[in-house]
PDB file of N, CA and C in Angstrom:
ATOM      1  N   MET A   1     224.783 -39.417 259.843  1.00  0.00           N
ATOM      2  CA  MET A   1     224.885 -39.107 258.855  1.00  0.00           C
ATOM      3  C   MET A   1     222.765 -38.223 258.348  1.00  0.00           C
ATOM      4  N   LEU A   2     222.682 -39.019 258.679  1.00  0.00           N
ATOM      5  CA  LEU A   2     221.340 -39.638 257.449  1.00  0.00           C
ATOM      6  C   LEU A   2     220.496 -38.917 258.747  1.00  0.00           C
ATOM      7  N   GLU A   3     220.877 -38.905 259.993  1.00  0.00           N
ATOM      8  CA  GLU A   3     219.751 -39.228 260.652  1.00  0.00           C
ATOM      9  C   GLU A   3     220.298 -37.609 261.168  1.00  0.00           C
ATOM     10  N   ASN A   4     220.911 -36.875 261.340  1.00  0.00           N
ATOM     11  CA  ASN A   4     220.827 -35.710 261.094  1.00  0.00           C
ATOM     12  C   ASN A   4     220.432 -34.713 260.579  1.00  0.00           C
ATOM     13  N   GLU A   5     220.543 -35.125 259.169  1.00  0.00           N
ATOM     14  CA  GLU A   5     219.964 -34.485 258.024  1.00  0.00           C
ATOM     15  C   GLU A   5     218.265 -34.217 258.219  1.00  0.00           C
ATOM     16  N   PHE A   6     217.605 -35.947 258.651  1.00  0.00           N
ATOM     17  CA  PHE A   6     216.175 -35.750 259.023  1.00  0.00           C
ATOM     18  C   PHE A   6     216.320 -34.932 260.623  1.00  0.00           C
ATOM     19  N   TYR A   7     217.166 -35.034 261.300  1.00  0.00           N
ATOM     20  CA  TYR A   7     216.633 -33.617 261.779  1.00  0.00           C
ATOM     21  C   TYR A   7     216.737 -32.157 262.000  1.00  0.00           C
ATOM     22  N   ARG A   8     217.976 -31.847 261.077  1.00  0.00           N
ATOM     23  CA  ARG A   8     218.144 -30.236 260.616  1.00  0.00           C
ATOM     24  C   ARG A   8     216.131 -30.667 259.869  1.00  0.00           C
ATOM     25  N   GLN A   9     215.964 -31.041 259.175  1.00  0.00           N
ATOM     26  CA  GLN A   9     214.856 -30.276 257.736  1.00  0.00           C
ATOM     27  C   GLN A   9     213.791 -30.470 258.514  1.00  0.00           C
ATOM     28  N   ARG A  10     213.397 -32.155 259.640  1.00  0.00           N
ATOM     29  CA  ARG A  10     212.395 -31.121 260.580  1.00  0.00           C
ATOM     30  C   ARG A  10     212.452 -30.308 261.771  1.00  0.00           C
ATOM     31  N   MET A  11     213.563 -29.633 261.991  1.00  0.00           N
ATOM     32  CA  MET A  11     213.136 -28.214 262.687  1.00  0.00           C
ATOM     33  C   MET A  11     213.397 -27.309 261.294  1.00  0.00           C
ATOM     34  N   ARG A  12     213.246 -27.315 260.635  1.00  0.00           N
ATOM     35  CA  ARG A  12     213.486 -26.745 259.092  1.00  0.00           C
ATOM     36  C   ARG A  12     211.644 -26.432 259.358  1.00  0.00           C
ATOM     37  N   ALA A  13     211.288 -27.533 258.413  1.00  0.00           N
ATOM     38  CA  ALA A  13     210.352 -27.779 258.909  1.00  0.00           C
ATOM     39  C   ALA A  13     209.520 -26.788 260.033  1.00  0.00           C
ATOM     40  N   TYR A  14     209.299 -27.393 261.461  1.00  0.00           N
ATOM     41  CA  TYR A  14     208.885 -26.663 262.109  1.00  0.00           C
ATOM     42  C   TYR A  14     208.673 -25.012 262.041  1.00  0.00           C
ATOM     43  N   SER A  15     209.769 -24.454 261.981  1.00  0.00           N
ATOM     44  CA  SER A  15     210.676 -23.064 261.688  1.00  0.00           C
ATOM     45  C   SER A  15     209.136 -22.722 260.598  1.00  0.00           C
ATOM     46  N   MET A  16     209.334 -22.798 260.073  1.00  0.00           N
ATOM     47  CA  MET A  16     208.148 -22.518 258.856  1.00  0.00           C
ATOM     48  C   MET A  16     206.758 -22.753 259.005  1.00  0.00           C
ATOM     49  N   TYR A  17     206.883 -23.831 259.924  1.00  0.00           N
ATOM     50  CA  TYR A  17     204.594 -23.674 260.614  1.00  0.00           C
ATOM     51  C   TYR A  17     205.272 -23.450 261.442  1.00  0.00           C
ATOM     52  N   ALA A  18     205.935 -22.324 262.082  1.00  0.00           N
ATOM     53  CA  ALA A  18     206.022 -21.212 263.437  1.00  0.00           C
ATOM     54  C   ALA A  18     205.911 -20.181 262.008  1.00  0.00           C
ATOM     55  N   SER A  19     206.820 -19.826 261.592  1.00  0.00           N
ATOM     56  CA  SER A  19     206.542 -17.948 260.766  1.00  0.00           C
ATOM     57  C   SER A  19     205.604 -18.276 259.516  1.00  0.00           C
ATOM     58  N   LEU A  20     204.256 -18.909 259.221  1.00  0.00           N
ATOM     59  CA  LEU A  20     202.930 -18.628 258.039  1.00  0.00           C
ATOM     60  C   LEU A  20     202.431 -18.804 259.568  1.00  0.00           C
ATOM     61  N   ASN A  21     202.244 -18.625 260.935  1.00  0.00           N
ATOM     62  CA  ASN A  21     201.244 -19.160 261.866  1.00  0.00           C
ATOM     63  C   ASN A  21     200.773 -17.388 261.795  1.00  0.00           C
ATOM     64  N   GLU A  22     202.940 -17.387 262.040  1.00  0.00           N
ATOM     65  CA  GLU A  22     202.931 -15.378 262.489  1.00  0.00           C
ATOM     66  C   GLU A  22     201.976 -14.993 261.507  1.00  0.00           C
ATOM     67  N   GLN A  23     202.623 -15.340 259.864  1.00  0.00           N
ATOM     68  CA  GLN A  23     201.998 -14.790 258.973  1.00  0.00           C
ATOM     69  C   GLN A  23     200.371 -14.418 258.690  1.00  0.00           C
ATOM     70  N   ARG A  24     199.754 -15.465 259.422  1.00  0.00           N
ATOM     71  CA  ARG A  24     197.634 -15.455 258.742  1.00  0.00           C
ATOM     72  C   ARG A  24     198.129 -15.251 260.491  1.00  0.00           C
ATOM     73  N   ALA A  25     198.268 -15.215 260.902  1.00  0.00           N
ATOM     74  CA  ALA A  25     197.266 -14.890 262.120  1.00  0.00           C
ATOM     75  C   ALA A  25     196.372 -13.131 262.166  1.00  0.00           C
ATOM     76  N   ALA A  26     197.486 -11.931 261.096  1.00  0.00           N
ATOM     77  CA  ALA A  26     196.167 -11.089 260.981  1.00  0.00           C
ATOM     78  C   ALA A  26     195.633 -11.630 260.491  1.00  0.00           C
ATOM     79  N   LEU A  27     195.163 -12.456 259.175  1.00  0.00           N
ATOM     80  CA  LEU A  27     193.995 -12.669 258.271  1.00  0.00           C
ATOM     81  C   LEU A  27     192.889 -13.589 258.604  1.00  0.00           C
ATOM     82  N   LEU A  28     193.207 -14.493 260.032  1.00  0.00           N
ATOM     83  CA  LEU A  28     191.881 -15.357 260.936  1.00  0.00           C
ATOM     84  C   LEU A  28     191.459 -14.253 261.585  1.00  0.00           C
ATOM     85  N   GLU A  29     192.407 -13.060 262.377  1.00  0.00           N
ATOM     86  CA  GLU A  29     191.524 -12.754 263.165  1.00  0.00           C
ATOM     87  C   GLU A  29     190.572 -10.996 262.356  1.00  0.00           C
ATOM     88  N   ALA A  30     191.324 -11.054 261.087  1.00  0.00           N
ATOM     89  CA  ALA A  30     189.808 -10.354 260.698  1.00  0.00           C
ATOM     90  C   ALA A  30     188.704 -11.757 259.803  1.00  0.00           C
ATOM     91  N   VAL A  31     188.788 -12.131 260.002  1.00  0.00           N
ATOM     92  CA  VAL A  31     187.964 -13.255 259.002  1.00  0.00           C
ATOM     93  C   VAL A  31     187.240 -13.642 260.402  1.00  0.00           C
ATOM     94  N   GLN A  32     187.659 -13.801 261.715  1.00  0.00           N
ATOM     95  CA  GLN A  32     186.641 -13.890 262.666  1.00  0.00           C
ATOM     96  C   GLN A  32     186.315 -12.971 262.592  1.00  0.00           C
ATOM     97  N   ILE A  33     186.807 -11.173 263.049  1.00  0.00           N
ATOM     98  CA  ILE A  33     185.829 -10.220 263.063  1.00  0.00           C
ATOM     99  C   ILE A  33     185.215 -10.578 262.536  1.00  0.00           C
ATOM    100  N   ARG A  34     185.432 -10.606 260.593  1.00  0.00           N
ATOM    101  CA  ARG A  34     183.665 -10.569 259.316  1.00  0.00           C
ATOM    102  C   ARG A  34     183.105 -11.200 259.772  1.00  0.00           C
ATOM    103  N   GLY A  35     183.841 -12.291 260.088  1.00  0.00           N
ATOM    104  CA  GLY A  35     182.274 -13.491 260.158  1.00  0.00           C
ATOM    105  C   GLY A  35     183.057 -14.039 259.465  1.00  0.00           C
ATOM    106  N   SER A  36     183.398 -13.443 257.660  1.00  0.00           N
ATOM    107  CA  SER A  36     183.388 -14.754 256.829  1.00  0.00           C
ATOM    108  C   SER A  36     184.582 -14.372 255.955  1.00  0.00           C
ATOM    109  N   VAL A  37     185.682 -15.811 255.045  1.00  0.00           N
ATOM    110  CA  VAL A  37     186.536 -15.368 254.412  1.00  0.00           C
ATOM    111  C   VAL A  37     186.315 -14.633 252.840  1.00  0.00           C
ATOM    112  N   PHE A  38     185.474 -13.956 252.395  1.00  0.00           N
ATOM    113  CA  PHE A  38     185.175 -13.898 251.574  1.00  0.00           C
ATOM    114  C   PHE A  38     185.009 -12.032 251.700  1.00  0.00           C
ATOM    115  N   GLY A  39     184.412 -11.461 253.238  1.00  0.00           N
ATOM    116  CA  GLY A  39     184.041  -9.984 253.430  1.00  0.00           C
ATOM    117  C   GLY A  39     182.740  -9.374 252.749  1.00  0.00           C
ATOM    118  N   ASP A  40     181.610  -9.458 252.770  1.00  0.00           N
ATOM    119  CA  ASP A  40     180.978  -9.702 252.347  1.00  0.00           C
ATOM    120  C   ASP A  40     179.578 -10.543 253.927  1.00  0.00           C
ATOM    121  N   GLY A  41     180.162 -11.395 254.678  1.00  0.00           N
ATOM    122  CA  GLY A  41     179.098 -11.304 255.761  1.00  0.00           C
ATOM    123  C   GLY A  41     178.174 -11.335 256.272  1.00  0.00           C
TER     124      GLY A  41
END
């Protein structure tokens, strides 16, 4: 039972991480194009 919960939580964490990467992809691309995090690059 505990092992199933461990794997369920692990898969949830991987899913959340993948979602985060998708959401921040546009931001990271904009920073790379600008050359600065602050926009005054």
